[in-house]
Protein backbone atom coordinates (compact mmCIF):
# COMPACT_ATOMS: atom_id res chain seq x y z
CA UNK A 1 -23.92 53.51 23.99
CA UNK A 2 -25.67 50.19 23.75
CA UNK A 3 -28.25 51.77 21.05
CA UNK A 4 -25.32 52.55 19.00
CA UNK A 5 -23.84 49.24 18.73
CA UNK A 6 -27.20 47.40 17.90
CA UNK A 7 -27.20 47.92 13.92
CA UNK A 8 -23.72 46.64 13.93
CA UNK A 9 -24.79 43.30 16.02
CA UNK A 10 -27.92 42.80 13.90
CA UNK A 11 -26.60 43.77 10.53
CA UNK A 12 -23.07 42.05 10.77
CA UNK A 13 -22.61 39.00 12.95
CA UNK A 14 -19.39 37.53 11.04
CA UNK A 15 -15.93 39.66 10.41
CA UNK A 16 -15.63 40.90 6.96
CA UNK A 17 -12.87 39.21 6.14
CA UNK A 18 -14.15 35.96 6.81
CA UNK A 19 -17.26 36.79 4.93
CA UNK A 20 -15.25 38.29 1.81
CA UNK A 21 -13.01 34.63 2.03
CA UNK A 22 -15.95 32.32 2.22
CA UNK A 23 -17.68 34.49 -0.49
CA UNK A 24 -14.57 34.01 -2.79
CA UNK A 25 -14.53 30.27 -2.03
CA UNK A 26 -18.03 29.67 -3.44
CA UNK A 27 -17.56 32.01 -6.38
CA UNK A 28 -14.56 29.54 -7.24
CA UNK A 29 -16.85 26.32 -7.26
CA UNK A 30 -18.60 25.83 -10.68
CA UNK A 31 -22.33 24.96 -10.26
CA UNK A 32 -23.13 23.79 -6.95
CA UNK A 33 -25.84 21.30 -7.05
CA UNK A 34 -29.21 22.20 -6.00
CA UNK A 35 -30.18 20.57 -2.36
CA UNK A 36 -26.16 20.70 -1.94
CA UNK A 37 -24.86 22.28 1.27
CA UNK A 38 -23.12 25.05 -0.64
CA UNK A 39 -25.95 25.74 -2.78
CA UNK A 40 -27.74 27.09 0.71
CA UNK A 41 -25.16 29.57 1.31
CA UNK A 42 -27.12 32.84 0.39
CA UNK A 43 -24.67 35.68 1.71
CA UNK A 44 -27.67 38.55 0.82
CA UNK A 45 -30.32 36.45 2.80
CA UNK A 46 -28.50 35.89 6.02
CA UNK A 47 -24.66 36.11 7.70
CA UNK A 48 -22.57 32.85 7.13
CA UNK A 49 -22.71 32.25 10.62
CA UNK A 50 -26.64 31.59 10.04
CA UNK A 51 -26.24 29.36 7.25
CA UNK A 52 -28.00 26.17 7.93
CA UNK A 53 -24.69 24.08 6.99
CA UNK A 54 -21.27 23.55 6.56
CA UNK A 55 -20.16 26.37 8.85
CA UNK A 56 -19.26 26.78 12.46
CA UNK A 57 -18.41 29.69 14.22
CA UNK A 58 -17.44 31.46 17.57
CA UNK A 59 -19.65 32.69 19.55
CA UNK A 60 -20.05 36.63 20.09
CA UNK A 61 -19.28 38.43 23.63
CA UNK A 62 -18.93 42.12 24.52
CA UNK A 63 -15.39 41.68 23.97
CA UNK A 64 -15.61 40.20 20.37
CA UNK A 65 -18.12 42.08 18.39
CA UNK A 66 -17.69 39.41 15.29
CA UNK A 67 -18.06 35.86 14.92
CA UNK A 68 -15.23 34.43 13.58
CA UNK A 69 -15.54 31.25 10.87
CA UNK A 70 -13.87 28.25 13.07
CA UNK A 71 -14.66 25.24 10.93
CA UNK A 72 -15.72 24.62 7.07
CA UNK A 73 -17.53 21.15 6.68
CA UNK A 74 -18.80 20.35 3.07
CA UNK A 75 -21.19 17.49 2.46
CA UNK A 76 -19.74 15.07 -0.79
CA UNK A 77 -21.83 16.58 -3.59
CA UNK A 78 -19.20 16.75 -6.41
CA UNK A 79 -18.39 20.27 -5.99
CA UNK A 80 -15.60 21.14 -8.27
CA UNK A 81 -13.14 24.18 -8.62
CA UNK A 82 -9.97 25.10 -7.72
CA UNK A 83 -9.31 26.22 -3.80
CA UNK A 84 -8.51 30.34 -3.63
CA UNK A 85 -5.36 31.98 -1.99
CA UNK A 86 -7.97 33.93 0.39
CA UNK A 87 -8.39 31.07 2.51
CA UNK A 88 -5.43 32.90 4.21
CA UNK A 89 -7.75 35.34 5.68
CA UNK A 90 -9.75 32.71 7.54
CA UNK A 91 -7.19 33.16 10.64
CA UNK A 92 -9.32 31.71 12.94
CA UNK A 93 -10.46 28.33 11.02
CA UNK A 94 -9.69 25.38 13.00
CA UNK A 95 -11.21 22.39 10.64
CA UNK A 96 -11.19 22.07 7.38
CA UNK A 97 -13.01 19.28 5.53
CA UNK A 98 -13.84 19.15 1.96
CA UNK A 99 -13.13 15.35 1.20
CA UNK A 100 -15.26 13.33 -1.41
CA UNK A 101 -15.66 15.81 -3.96
CA UNK A 102 -13.73 16.94 -7.43
CA UNK A 103 -11.44 20.19 -6.29
CA UNK A 104 -8.68 20.02 -8.59
CA UNK A 105 -5.45 21.90 -9.06
CA UNK A 106 -2.77 22.54 -6.37
CA UNK A 107 -3.31 22.45 -2.87
CA UNK A 108 -3.03 26.71 -1.85
CA UNK A 109 0.16 26.98 0.44
CA UNK A 110 -2.21 29.43 2.40
CA UNK A 111 -3.78 26.74 3.99
CA UNK A 112 -0.64 25.62 5.76
CA UNK A 113 0.07 29.20 7.07
CA UNK A 114 -3.19 29.38 9.19
CA UNK A 115 -2.66 29.63 12.51
CA UNK A 116 -5.27 28.12 14.13
CA UNK A 117 -5.72 24.94 11.64
CA UNK A 118 -5.78 21.39 13.50
CA UNK A 119 -7.76 19.39 10.94
CA UNK A 120 -7.09 19.61 7.25
CA UNK A 121 -8.84 17.13 5.76
CA UNK A 122 -8.90 17.19 1.76
CA UNK A 123 -9.31 13.22 0.45
CA UNK A 124 -11.05 11.95 -2.10
CA UNK A 125 -10.46 14.74 -4.36
CA UNK A 126 -8.21 15.31 -7.45
CA UNK A 127 -5.59 17.70 -6.10
CA UNK A 128 -2.18 17.33 -7.99
CA UNK A 129 1.29 18.50 -7.49
CA UNK A 130 3.63 18.09 -5.17
CA UNK A 131 2.31 18.47 -1.11
CA UNK A 132 3.52 22.29 -0.29
CA UNK A 133 6.52 22.67 1.50
CA UNK A 134 4.81 25.29 3.90
CA UNK A 135 3.06 22.90 5.70
CA UNK A 136 6.03 23.31 8.32
CA UNK A 137 4.65 26.69 8.93
CA UNK A 138 1.01 24.90 10.42
CA UNK A 139 2.32 24.52 13.86
CA UNK A 140 -1.34 24.04 15.41
CA UNK A 141 -2.05 20.85 12.72
CA UNK A 142 -2.74 17.68 14.44
CA UNK A 143 -4.71 15.82 11.42
CA UNK A 144 -3.46 15.96 7.71
CA UNK A 145 -5.35 13.86 5.20
CA UNK A 146 -4.53 14.17 1.74
CA UNK A 147 -5.10 10.56 0.58
CA UNK A 148 -6.58 9.31 -2.30
CA UNK A 149 -5.65 12.26 -4.86
CA UNK A 150 -3.15 12.75 -7.47
CA UNK A 151 -0.67 14.45 -5.58
CA UNK A 152 2.88 13.78 -6.85
CA UNK A 153 6.67 14.31 -5.62
CA UNK A 154 7.85 12.94 -2.08
CA UNK A 155 6.41 13.30 1.33
CA UNK A 156 8.01 16.47 2.77
CA UNK A 157 10.63 16.47 5.01
CA UNK A 158 9.13 19.20 6.89
CA UNK A 159 6.78 16.80 8.29
CA UNK A 160 8.84 16.18 10.75
CA UNK A 161 9.07 19.75 12.20
CA UNK A 162 5.18 19.86 13.20
CA UNK A 163 5.28 18.99 16.53
CA UNK A 164 1.53 18.80 17.38
CA UNK A 165 0.72 16.40 14.32
CA UNK A 166 -0.38 13.23 15.46
CA UNK A 167 -2.33 11.77 12.13
CA UNK A 168 -0.93 11.54 8.82
CA UNK A 169 -3.04 9.82 5.97
CA UNK A 170 -0.96 10.22 2.36
CA UNK A 171 -2.34 7.12 0.84
CA UNK A 172 -3.16 6.38 -2.94
CA UNK A 173 -1.39 9.36 -4.37
CA UNK A 174 1.22 9.03 -6.68
CA UNK A 175 4.24 9.79 -4.13
CA UNK A 176 7.48 8.47 -4.66
CA UNK A 177 10.91 8.64 -2.92
CA UNK A 178 11.80 7.36 0.42
CA UNK A 179 10.19 7.55 3.86
CA UNK A 180 11.61 10.89 5.77
CA UNK A 181 14.37 10.12 7.91
CA UNK A 182 12.97 12.32 10.94
CA UNK A 183 9.29 11.54 11.89
CA UNK A 184 6.85 13.35 14.29
CA UNK A 185 7.82 11.76 17.71
CA UNK A 186 4.13 12.28 18.87
CA UNK A 187 2.72 10.59 15.55
CA UNK A 188 -0.07 8.12 16.23
CA UNK A 189 -0.97 7.03 12.76
CA UNK A 190 0.84 7.10 9.69
CA UNK A 191 -0.66 6.02 6.39
CA UNK A 192 1.07 5.72 2.94
CA UNK A 193 -0.54 3.14 1.06
CA UNK A 194 -1.08 2.78 -2.21
CA UNK A 195 1.78 4.80 -3.41
CA UNK A 196 5.62 4.17 -5.02
CA UNK A 197 7.22 4.73 -2.17
CA UNK A 198 10.88 2.74 -2.04
CA UNK A 199 13.58 2.30 0.13
CA UNK A 200 14.26 0.47 3.57
CA UNK A 201 12.45 1.09 6.83
CA UNK A 202 15.22 2.62 9.05
CA UNK A 203 15.14 2.16 12.83
CA UNK A 204 16.56 5.89 13.29
CA UNK A 205 13.44 7.10 11.81
CA UNK A 206 10.94 5.12 13.51
CA UNK A 207 12.29 4.19 16.96
CA UNK A 208 11.38 7.77 18.28
CA UNK A 209 7.74 7.03 17.63
CA UNK A 210 6.72 5.79 21.33
CA UNK A 211 3.10 6.87 20.56
CA UNK A 212 2.54 5.34 17.03
CA UNK A 213 -0.29 2.75 17.25
CA UNK A 214 -0.85 2.25 13.27
CA UNK A 215 1.36 1.99 10.70
CA UNK A 216 -0.21 1.69 7.26
CA UNK A 217 2.50 1.04 4.38
CA UNK A 218 0.64 -1.40 2.01
CA UNK A 219 0.87 -1.28 -1.71
CA UNK A 220 4.17 0.61 -2.26
CA UNK A 221 8.25 -0.46 -3.35
CA UNK A 222 9.38 -0.69 0.37
CA UNK A 223 12.25 -3.49 0.52
CA UNK A 224 15.09 -5.33 2.66
CA UNK A 225 14.44 -7.35 5.92
CA UNK A 226 11.76 -6.38 8.28
CA UNK A 227 14.06 -6.32 11.89
CA UNK A 228 12.76 -6.81 15.41
CA UNK A 229 12.72 -3.43 16.86
CA UNK A 230 9.99 -2.75 14.17
CA UNK A 231 7.77 -4.96 16.42
CA UNK A 232 8.75 -3.63 19.86
CA UNK A 233 7.29 -0.11 19.45
CA UNK A 234 5.71 0.21 22.19
CA UNK A 235 2.31 1.60 21.64
CA UNK A 236 1.76 -0.19 18.19
CA UNK A 237 -1.44 -1.62 17.95
CA UNK A 238 -1.71 -2.42 13.83
CA UNK A 239 0.66 -2.84 11.11
CA UNK A 240 0.02 -3.30 7.14
CA UNK A 241 3.04 -3.64 5.34
CA UNK A 242 1.71 -6.04 2.53
CA UNK A 243 2.03 -6.16 -1.21
CA UNK A 244 5.66 -4.67 -1.26
CA UNK A 245 9.14 -6.12 -1.54
CA UNK A 246 10.24 -6.80 2.13
CA UNK A 247 12.69 -10.33 1.52
CA UNK A 248 13.11 -11.09 5.25
CA UNK A 249 11.60 -11.04 9.04
CA UNK A 250 13.21 -11.22 12.31
CA UNK A 251 11.27 -10.92 15.45
CA UNK A 252 12.41 -11.08 18.86
CA UNK A 253 10.32 -11.77 22.21
CA UNK A 254 8.67 -8.58 23.48
CA UNK A 255 10.02 -7.53 27.33
CA UNK A 256 8.28 -9.67 29.87
CA UNK A 257 7.11 -6.80 31.85
CA UNK A 258 6.14 -4.65 28.82
CA UNK A 259 3.07 -3.21 27.64
CA UNK A 260 2.77 -4.36 23.96
CA UNK A 261 -0.35 -3.64 22.35
CA UNK A 262 0.08 -5.56 19.08
CA UNK A 263 -3.17 -6.86 17.74
CA UNK A 264 -2.58 -7.52 13.93
CA UNK A 265 -0.17 -7.62 11.08
CA UNK A 266 -0.26 -8.04 7.99
CA UNK A 267 2.75 -9.07 5.71
CA UNK A 268 1.04 -10.78 2.85
CA UNK A 269 2.28 -10.43 -0.90
CA UNK A 270 5.99 -9.68 -0.11
CA UNK A 271 9.20 -12.00 -1.14
CA UNK A 272 9.78 -12.97 2.63
CA UNK A 273 11.86 -15.98 2.90
CA UNK A 274 12.81 -18.07 5.88
CA UNK A 275 10.81 -19.77 8.82
CA UNK A 276 7.73 -18.54 10.60
CA UNK A 277 9.19 -16.99 13.83
CA UNK A 278 8.13 -18.68 16.77
CA UNK A 279 8.35 -15.28 18.88
CA UNK A 280 4.90 -14.38 17.11
CA UNK A 281 3.04 -16.92 19.70
CA UNK A 282 4.36 -14.28 22.47
CA UNK A 283 2.75 -11.52 22.07
CA UNK A 284 -0.21 -11.51 24.04
CA UNK A 285 -2.52 -9.46 22.38
CA UNK A 286 -1.91 -10.22 18.76
CA UNK A 287 -5.19 -12.08 17.32
CA UNK A 288 -4.88 -11.56 13.57
CA UNK A 289 -1.54 -12.47 11.34
CA UNK A 290 -1.47 -12.55 7.79
CA UNK A 291 1.77 -13.96 6.15
CA UNK A 292 0.06 -14.97 2.81
CA UNK A 293 1.71 -15.31 -0.37
CA UNK A 294 5.58 -15.09 0.41
CA UNK A 295 8.34 -17.49 0.00
CA UNK A 296 8.33 -18.94 3.87
CA UNK A 297 9.45 -23.06 4.37
CA UNK A 298 9.40 -25.12 7.37
CA UNK A 299 6.60 -26.07 9.83
CA UNK A 300 3.74 -24.11 11.20
CA UNK A 301 4.79 -24.02 14.97
CA UNK A 302 2.95 -25.70 17.31
CA UNK A 303 3.05 -22.76 19.69
CA UNK A 304 1.05 -20.94 17.32
CA UNK A 305 -1.70 -23.17 18.67
CA UNK A 306 -0.57 -24.35 21.83
CA UNK A 307 1.48 -21.54 23.62
CA UNK A 308 -0.20 -18.31 22.33
CA UNK A 309 0.03 -16.57 25.39
CA UNK A 310 -3.16 -14.00 26.35
CA UNK A 311 -5.74 -14.23 23.52
CA UNK A 312 -5.12 -17.01 20.92
CA UNK A 313 -5.27 -16.38 17.19
CA UNK A 314 -8.25 -16.02 15.64
CA UNK A 315 -7.06 -15.04 12.23
CA UNK A 316 -4.00 -16.77 10.76
CA UNK A 317 -3.35 -16.65 6.79
CA UNK A 318 -0.55 -18.63 5.67
CA UNK A 319 -1.51 -19.47 2.09
CA UNK A 320 0.56 -19.31 -0.77
CA UNK A 321 4.28 -20.16 0.73
CA UNK A 322 5.99 -23.27 0.79
CA UNK A 323 5.36 -24.40 4.30
CA UNK A 324 5.39 -28.53 5.09
CA UNK A 325 5.21 -30.47 7.76
CA UNK A 326 1.42 -31.15 9.58
CA UNK A 327 -0.98 -28.31 10.73
CA UNK A 328 -1.11 -28.50 14.30
CA UNK A 329 -4.41 -29.76 15.22
CA UNK A 330 -5.56 -27.18 17.67
CA UNK A 331 -6.58 -25.05 14.49
CA UNK A 332 -9.18 -27.59 13.11
CA UNK A 333 -10.55 -27.91 16.48
CA UNK A 334 -11.24 -24.36 17.31
CA UNK A 335 -14.38 -23.17 15.65
CA UNK A 336 -13.64 -19.21 16.08
CA UNK A 337 -10.74 -19.56 13.84
CA UNK A 338 -10.44 -18.34 10.84
CA UNK A 339 -7.66 -18.32 8.53
CA UNK A 340 -5.80 -20.39 5.52
CA UNK A 341 -3.28 -22.79 5.20
CA UNK A 342 -3.72 -23.70 1.59
CA UNK A 343 -1.51 -23.42 -1.31
CA UNK A 344 1.73 -25.05 0.51
CA UNK A 345 3.46 -28.38 1.18
CA UNK A 346 1.58 -29.21 4.23
CA UNK A 347 0.50 -33.04 4.91
CA UNK A 348 -2.89 -34.02 5.94
CA UNK A 349 -4.34 -30.67 5.15
CA UNK A 350 -7.30 -31.64 2.28
CA UNK A 351 -8.71 -28.81 0.23
CA UNK A 352 -11.99 -30.07 1.28
CA UNK A 353 -11.29 -28.31 4.36
CA UNK A 354 -11.81 -24.63 3.97
CA UNK A 355 -8.94 -23.67 6.03
CA UNK A 356 -6.89 -26.03 3.64
CA UNK A 357 -8.38 -24.55 0.55
CA UNK A 358 -6.90 -24.39 -2.13
CA UNK A 359 -5.30 -27.43 -2.61
CA UNK A 360 -1.44 -27.63 -1.63
CA UNK A 361 0.99 -27.50 -4.30
CA UNK A 362 2.16 -30.24 -6.47
CA UNK A 363 4.88 -32.35 -4.85
CA UNK A 364 7.37 -31.51 -7.68
CA UNK A 365 7.20 -27.96 -6.96
CA UNK A 366 7.73 -28.19 -3.08
CA UNK A 367 10.48 -30.58 -3.76
CA UNK A 368 12.77 -27.85 -6.34
CA UNK A 369 11.76 -25.16 -3.77
CA UNK A 370 13.65 -27.43 -1.16
CA UNK A 371 16.46 -27.83 -3.47
CA UNK A 372 16.51 -23.97 -3.56
CA UNK A 373 15.74 -22.61 -0.62
């Protein structure tokens, strides 16, 4: 019996349907460059699970006579072509990374029906069209990165039904519409930078995100007032909402016995009016804040320098506002501090000092802003 199995084990390591899907994939790519990983895939010379690069497989055993392809990871070698629908046959595939190439066309819906897929990274290609709505059928998906493509349409509402998804990056596409009203409770990182997403940040969508650590929504068309609940998400560490159209800011003190982990906030290049919230000094782990180029008025709170709990601010960028009064002296005395108070209406902050550059606004501009504020 062992002798009868020997020809099978030596001539075919990988399941035939996996081999066919992989061969179909290679044939869809136009002119792979010599010395690239895919150029080395030779189906007549060796089995795919023995290819020198790009492929990972399961190990054969007495119960599993054939290996299954579990991962495809291509080098960024400028591969170009459309992805075939036959990817649906790779039912054991867990990881697919084709980033940094020139694949184009629509993303096949078959990718989102793969029952074992955990990681889908198609970043930095030329995929177009909308994100397939069938994404909700991929219940095992944990990481979805479709950033830096030409995708259009809206962020699929169906993303909210993927209970395993922890990382979503759809940055630098051409997406429109609003942020889905129902986001994943297990989401750790949400990145939608550089699109044309509009509307308001709704508490009903973000409050359930008890595990969220990173929110990157910079470079969109979001508007409205940033409410205090946003800064009290228990696991939040980094938030970038710069280059939008937010107009207001409300910050409450974190709970005394809370576990707030905020490290960095960037709210620069918006239209935020009002004064600097003193409560930011009460976030013990917060070390980097940018509110540059807004419409803020009033003084720089002394608490930003003297009463900062835990670790003090190491980076504080407030340039390009209409702040007045004097800069707390402690900022000038801290050699480890990096920031800017330039282009405001501050006193005693000469442009010859690095943190006071560029020069303060002309007095006439400052007086006019005081009258209109």
